[in-house]
Amino acid sequence: METVAVTCPSCFESFEVALPPASECPCEVDYDCEVCCRPMVISFADGHADARSLDD
């Protein structure tokens, strides 16, 4: 399983998340930070991931 690094928009810590299959991208996933547990949305596209807070 391929992973990609994500930086939490709340605590700014980085962690790895599983990259969805290419056939499912682009997509957005609700996710809780693995460090501070705050919710975020992770957008996956072209093998990259960008995280944003729910307030953005």
PDB file of N, CA and C in Angstrom:
ATOM      1  N   MET A   1       0.850  -1.181   0.000  1.00  0.00           N
ATOM      2  CA  MET A   1       0.000   0.000   0.000  1.00  0.00           C
ATOM      3  C   MET A   1       0.897   1.245   0.000  1.00  0.00           C
ATOM      4  N   GLU A   2       0.623   2.126  -0.912  1.00  0.00           N
ATOM      5  CA  GLU A   2       1.396   3.357  -1.030  1.00  0.00           C
ATOM      6  C   GLU A   2       0.864   4.400  -0.048  1.00  0.00           C
ATOM      7  N   THR A   3       1.785   5.134   0.572  1.00  0.00           N
ATOM      8  CA  THR A   3       1.393   6.189   1.508  1.00  0.00           C
ATOM      9  C   THR A   3       1.934   7.530   1.029  1.00  0.00           C
ATOM     10  N   VAL A   4       1.368   8.588   1.601  1.00  0.00           N
ATOM     11  CA  VAL A   4       1.793   9.934   1.258  1.00  0.00           C
ATOM     12  C   VAL A   4       1.784  10.762   2.547  1.00  0.00           C
ATOM     13  N   ALA A   5       2.715  11.698   2.659  1.00  0.00           N
ATOM     14  CA  ALA A   5       2.805  12.538   3.848  1.00  0.00           C
ATOM     15  C   ALA A   5       1.765  13.656   3.803  1.00  0.00           C
ATOM     16  N   VAL A   6       1.178  13.926   4.959  1.00  0.00           N
ATOM     17  CA  VAL A   6       0.189  14.987   5.127  1.00  0.00           C
ATOM     18  C   VAL A   6       0.602  15.809   6.340  1.00  0.00           C
ATOM     19  N   THR A   7       0.424  17.129   6.264  1.00  0.00           N
ATOM     20  CA  THR A   7       0.688  17.999   7.404  1.00  0.00           C
ATOM     21  C   THR A   7      -0.637  18.522   7.927  1.00  0.00           C
ATOM     22  N   CYS A   8      -0.861  18.331   9.212  1.00  0.00           N
ATOM     23  CA  CYS A   8      -2.108  18.768   9.836  1.00  0.00           C
ATOM     24  C   CYS A   8      -2.195  20.294   9.805  1.00  0.00           C
ATOM     25  N   PRO A   9      -3.335  20.847   9.384  1.00  0.00           N
ATOM     26  CA  PRO A   9      -3.484  22.303   9.353  1.00  0.00           C
ATOM     27  C   PRO A   9      -3.700  22.909  10.740  1.00  0.00           C
ATOM     28  N   SER A  10      -3.910  22.084  11.761  1.00  0.00           N
ATOM     29  CA  SER A  10      -4.118  22.591  13.119  1.00  0.00           C
ATOM     30  C   SER A  10      -2.843  22.558  13.952  1.00  0.00           C
ATOM     31  N   CYS A  11      -2.172  21.395  14.003  1.00  0.00           N
ATOM     32  CA  CYS A  11      -0.974  21.271  14.852  1.00  0.00           C
ATOM     33  C   CYS A  11       0.323  21.293  14.042  1.00  0.00           C
ATOM     34  N   PHE A  12       0.228  21.239  12.721  1.00  0.00           N
ATOM     35  CA  PHE A  12       1.365  21.308  11.796  1.00  0.00           C
ATOM     36  C   PHE A  12       2.321  20.121  11.898  1.00  0.00           C
ATOM     37  N   GLU A  13       1.857  19.018  12.491  1.00  0.00           N
ATOM     38  CA  GLU A  13       2.650  17.790  12.531  1.00  0.00           C
ATOM     39  C   GLU A  13       2.385  16.998  11.260  1.00  0.00           C
ATOM     40  N   SER A  14       3.396  16.277  10.794  1.00  0.00           N
ATOM     41  CA  SER A  14       3.263  15.449   9.592  1.00  0.00           C
ATOM     42  C   SER A  14       3.075  13.991   9.971  1.00  0.00           C
ATOM     43  N   PHE A  15       2.302  13.286   9.153  1.00  0.00           N
ATOM     44  CA  PHE A  15       2.101  11.849   9.325  1.00  0.00           C
ATOM     45  C   PHE A  15       1.753  11.265   7.965  1.00  0.00           C
ATOM     46  N   GLU A  16       1.798   9.954   7.861  1.00  0.00           N
ATOM     47  CA  GLU A  16       1.541   9.255   6.606  1.00  0.00           C
ATOM     48  C   GLU A  16       0.101   8.749   6.549  1.00  0.00           C
ATOM     49  N   VAL A  17      -0.523   8.862   5.394  1.00  0.00           N
ATOM     50  CA  VAL A  17      -1.849   8.298   5.161  1.00  0.00           C
ATOM     51  C   VAL A  17      -1.788   7.444   3.893  1.00  0.00           C
ATOM     52  N   ALA A  18      -2.678   6.476   3.813  1.00  0.00           N
ATOM     53  CA  ALA A  18      -2.739   5.620   2.636  1.00  0.00           C
ATOM     54  C   ALA A  18      -3.282   6.403   1.447  1.00  0.00           C
ATOM     55  N   LEU A  19      -2.641   6.240   0.325  1.00  0.00           N
ATOM     56  CA  LEU A  19      -3.071   6.891  -0.908  1.00  0.00           C
ATOM     57  C   LEU A  19      -4.167   6.045  -1.552  1.00  0.00           C
ATOM     58  N   PRO A  20      -5.326   6.630  -1.837  1.00  0.00           N
ATOM     59  CA  PRO A  20      -6.395   5.850  -2.491  1.00  0.00           C
ATOM     60  C   PRO A  20      -5.947   5.384  -3.878  1.00  0.00           C
ATOM     61  N   PRO A  21      -6.577   4.348  -4.395  1.00  0.00           N
ATOM     62  CA  PRO A  21      -6.256   3.895  -5.755  1.00  0.00           C
ATOM     63  C   PRO A  21      -6.451   5.028  -6.771  1.00  0.00           C
ATOM     64  N   ALA A  22      -5.639   5.039  -7.795  1.00  0.00           N
ATOM     65  CA  ALA A  22      -5.706   6.089  -8.821  1.00  0.00           C
ATOM     66  C   ALA A  22      -7.089   6.178  -9.452  1.00  0.00           C
ATOM     67  N   SER A  23      -7.801   5.047  -9.540  1.00  0.00           N
ATOM     68  CA  SER A  23      -9.133   5.049 -10.148  1.00  0.00           C
ATOM     69  C   SER A  23     -10.156   5.811  -9.299  1.00  0.00           C
ATOM     70  N   GLU A  24      -9.848   6.056  -8.021  1.00  0.00           N
ATOM     71  CA  GLU A  24     -10.749   6.790  -7.125  1.00  0.00           C
ATOM     72  C   GLU A  24     -10.371   8.260  -6.966  1.00  0.00           C
ATOM     73  N   CYS A  25      -9.294   8.674  -7.607  1.00  0.00           N
ATOM     74  CA  CYS A  25      -8.817  10.061  -7.477  1.00  0.00           C
ATOM     75  C   CYS A  25      -9.202  10.859  -8.712  1.00  0.00           C
ATOM     76  N   PRO A  26      -9.430  12.143  -8.595  1.00  0.00           N
ATOM     77  CA  PRO A  26      -9.313  12.936  -7.372  1.00  0.00           C
ATOM     78  C   PRO A  26     -10.481  12.679  -6.417  1.00  0.00           C
ATOM     79  N   CYS A  27     -10.202  12.838  -5.130  1.00  0.00           N
ATOM     80  CA  CYS A  27     -11.242  12.652  -4.115  1.00  0.00           C
ATOM     81  C   CYS A  27     -10.873  13.424  -2.848  1.00  0.00           C
ATOM     82  N   GLU A  28     -11.867  13.572  -1.978  1.00  0.00           N
ATOM     83  CA  GLU A  28     -11.657  14.204  -0.671  1.00  0.00           C
ATOM     84  C   GLU A  28     -12.139  13.237   0.403  1.00  0.00           C
ATOM     85  N   VAL A  29     -11.401  13.198   1.516  1.00  0.00           N
ATOM     86  CA  VAL A  29     -11.698  12.278   2.600  1.00  0.00           C
ATOM     87  C   VAL A  29     -11.696  13.042   3.919  1.00  0.00           C
ATOM     88  N   ASP A  30     -12.718  12.831   4.745  1.00  0.00           N
ATOM     89  CA  ASP A  30     -12.704  13.360   6.107  1.00  0.00           C
ATOM     90  C   ASP A  30     -11.741  12.513   6.921  1.00  0.00           C
ATOM     91  N   TYR A  31     -10.896  13.175   7.726  1.00  0.00           N
ATOM     92  CA  TYR A  31      -9.854  12.452   8.458  1.00  0.00           C
ATOM     93  C   TYR A  31      -9.575  13.178   9.753  1.00  0.00           C
ATOM     94  N   ASP A  32      -9.251  12.455  10.810  1.00  0.00           N
ATOM     95  CA  ASP A  32      -8.832  13.057  12.070  1.00  0.00           C
ATOM     96  C   ASP A  32      -7.315  12.962  12.158  1.00  0.00           C
ATOM     97  N   CYS A  33      -6.673  14.053  12.564  1.00  0.00           N
ATOM     98  CA  CYS A  33      -5.225  14.082  12.695  1.00  0.00           C
ATOM     99  C   CYS A  33      -4.769  12.957  13.622  1.00  0.00           C
ATOM    100  N   GLU A  34      -3.711  12.272  13.238  1.00  0.00           N
ATOM    101  CA  GLU A  34      -3.183  11.179  14.048  1.00  0.00           C
ATOM    102  C   GLU A  34      -2.385  11.697  15.243  1.00  0.00           C
ATOM    103  N   VAL A  35      -2.118  12.996  15.297  1.00  0.00           N
ATOM    104  CA  VAL A  35      -1.363  13.578  16.409  1.00  0.00           C
ATOM    105  C   VAL A  35      -2.292  14.305  17.375  1.00  0.00           C
ATOM    106  N   CYS A  36      -3.073  15.275  16.871  1.00  0.00           N
ATOM    107  CA  CYS A  36      -3.915  16.093  17.754  1.00  0.00           C
ATOM    108  C   CYS A  36      -5.398  15.705  17.706  1.00  0.00           C
ATOM    109  N   CYS A  37      -5.778  14.824  16.804  1.00  0.00           N
ATOM    110  CA  CYS A  37      -7.145  14.297  16.652  1.00  0.00           C
ATOM    111  C   CYS A  37      -8.159  15.314  16.138  1.00  0.00           C
ATOM    112  N   ARG A  38      -7.729  16.471  15.680  1.00  0.00           N
ATOM    113  CA  ARG A  38      -8.675  17.442  15.125  1.00  0.00           C
ATOM    114  C   ARG A  38      -9.081  17.013  13.716  1.00  0.00           C
ATOM    115  N   PRO A  39     -10.330  17.297  13.347  1.00  0.00           N
ATOM    116  CA  PRO A  39     -10.800  16.886  12.019  1.00  0.00           C
ATOM    117  C   PRO A  39     -10.216  17.756  10.911  1.00  0.00           C
ATOM    118  N   MET A  40     -10.093  17.147   9.732  1.00  0.00           N
ATOM    119  CA  MET A  40      -9.601  17.847   8.547  1.00  0.00           C
ATOM    120  C   MET A  40     -10.172  17.164   7.324  1.00  0.00           C
ATOM    121  N   VAL A  41      -9.969  17.771   6.190  1.00  0.00           N
ATOM    122  CA  VAL A  41     -10.318  17.172   4.907  1.00  0.00           C
ATOM    123  C   VAL A  41      -9.021  17.006   4.127  1.00  0.00           C
ATOM    124  N   ILE A  42      -8.793  15.810   3.623  1.00  0.00           N
ATOM    125  CA  ILE A  42      -7.607  15.552   2.811  1.00  0.00           C
ATOM    126  C   ILE A  42      -8.049  15.383   1.370  1.00  0.00           C
ATOM    127  N   SER A  43      -7.463  16.178   0.481  1.00  0.00           N
ATOM    128  CA  SER A  43      -7.736  16.086  -0.953  1.00  0.00           C
ATOM    129  C   SER A  43      -6.613  15.296  -1.604  1.00  0.00           C
ATOM    130  N   PHE A  44      -6.971  14.263  -2.342  1.00  0.00           N
ATOM    131  CA  PHE A  44      -6.001  13.436  -3.051  1.00  0.00           C
ATOM    132  C   PHE A  44      -6.145  13.671  -4.549  1.00  0.00           C
ATOM    133  N   ALA A  45      -5.013  13.917  -5.224  1.00  0.00           N
ATOM    134  CA  ALA A  45      -5.000  14.070  -6.677  1.00  0.00           C
ATOM    135  C   ALA A  45      -3.571  13.900  -7.181  1.00  0.00           C
ATOM    136  N   ASP A  46      -3.419  13.187  -8.264  1.00  0.00           N
ATOM    137  CA  ASP A  46      -2.119  13.019  -8.930  1.00  0.00           C
ATOM    138  C   ASP A  46      -1.026  12.522  -7.991  1.00  0.00           C
ATOM    139  N   GLY A  47      -1.360  11.627  -7.063  1.00  0.00           N
ATOM    140  CA  GLY A  47      -0.356  11.067  -6.161  1.00  0.00           C
ATOM    141  C   GLY A  47       0.057  11.982  -5.033  1.00  0.00           C
ATOM    142  N   HIS A  48      -0.648  13.085  -4.854  1.00  0.00           N
ATOM    143  CA  HIS A  48      -0.352  14.038  -3.791  1.00  0.00           C
ATOM    144  C   HIS A  48      -1.557  14.174  -2.870  1.00  0.00           C
ATOM    145  N   ALA A  49      -1.296  14.707  -1.674  1.00  0.00           N
ATOM    146  CA  ALA A  49      -2.365  14.936  -0.719  1.00  0.00           C
ATOM    147  C   ALA A  49      -2.193  16.324  -0.106  1.00  0.00           C
ATOM    148  N   ASP A  50      -3.295  17.022   0.027  1.00  0.00           N
ATOM    149  CA  ASP A  50      -3.310  18.339   0.676  1.00  0.00           C
ATOM    150  C   ASP A  50      -4.388  18.310   1.748  1.00  0.00           C
ATOM    151  N   ALA A  51      -4.014  18.747   2.947  1.00  0.00           N
ATOM    152  CA  ALA A  51      -4.969  18.765   4.055  1.00  0.00           C
ATOM    153  C   ALA A  51      -5.411  20.197   4.341  1.00  0.00           C
ATOM    154  N   ARG A  52      -6.699  20.323   4.698  1.00  0.00           N
ATOM    155  CA  ARG A  52      -7.227  21.629   5.098  1.00  0.00           C
ATOM    156  C   ARG A  52      -8.170  21.407   6.259  1.00  0.00           C
ATOM    157  N   SER A  53      -8.318  22.444   7.071  1.00  0.00           N
ATOM    158  CA  SER A  53      -9.239  22.328   8.206  1.00  0.00           C
ATOM    159  C   SER A  53     -10.671  22.414   7.706  1.00  0.00           C
ATOM    160  N   LEU A  54     -11.603  22.027   8.522  1.00  0.00           N
ATOM    161  CA  LEU A  54     -13.014  22.098   8.149  1.00  0.00           C
ATOM    162  C   LEU A  54     -13.490  23.531   8.035  1.00  0.00           C
ATOM    163  N   ASP A  55     -12.759  24.475   8.612  1.00  0.00           N
ATOM    164  CA  ASP A  55     -13.141  25.891   8.585  1.00  0.00           C
ATOM    165  C   ASP A  55     -12.753  26.580   7.279  1.00  0.00           C
ATOM    166  N   ASP A  56     -11.890  25.939   6.475  1.00  0.00           N
ATOM    167  CA  ASP A  56     -11.418  26.552   5.220  1.00  0.00           C
ATOM    168  C   ASP A  56     -12.424  26.401   4.112  1.00  0.00           C
TER     169      ASP A  56
END
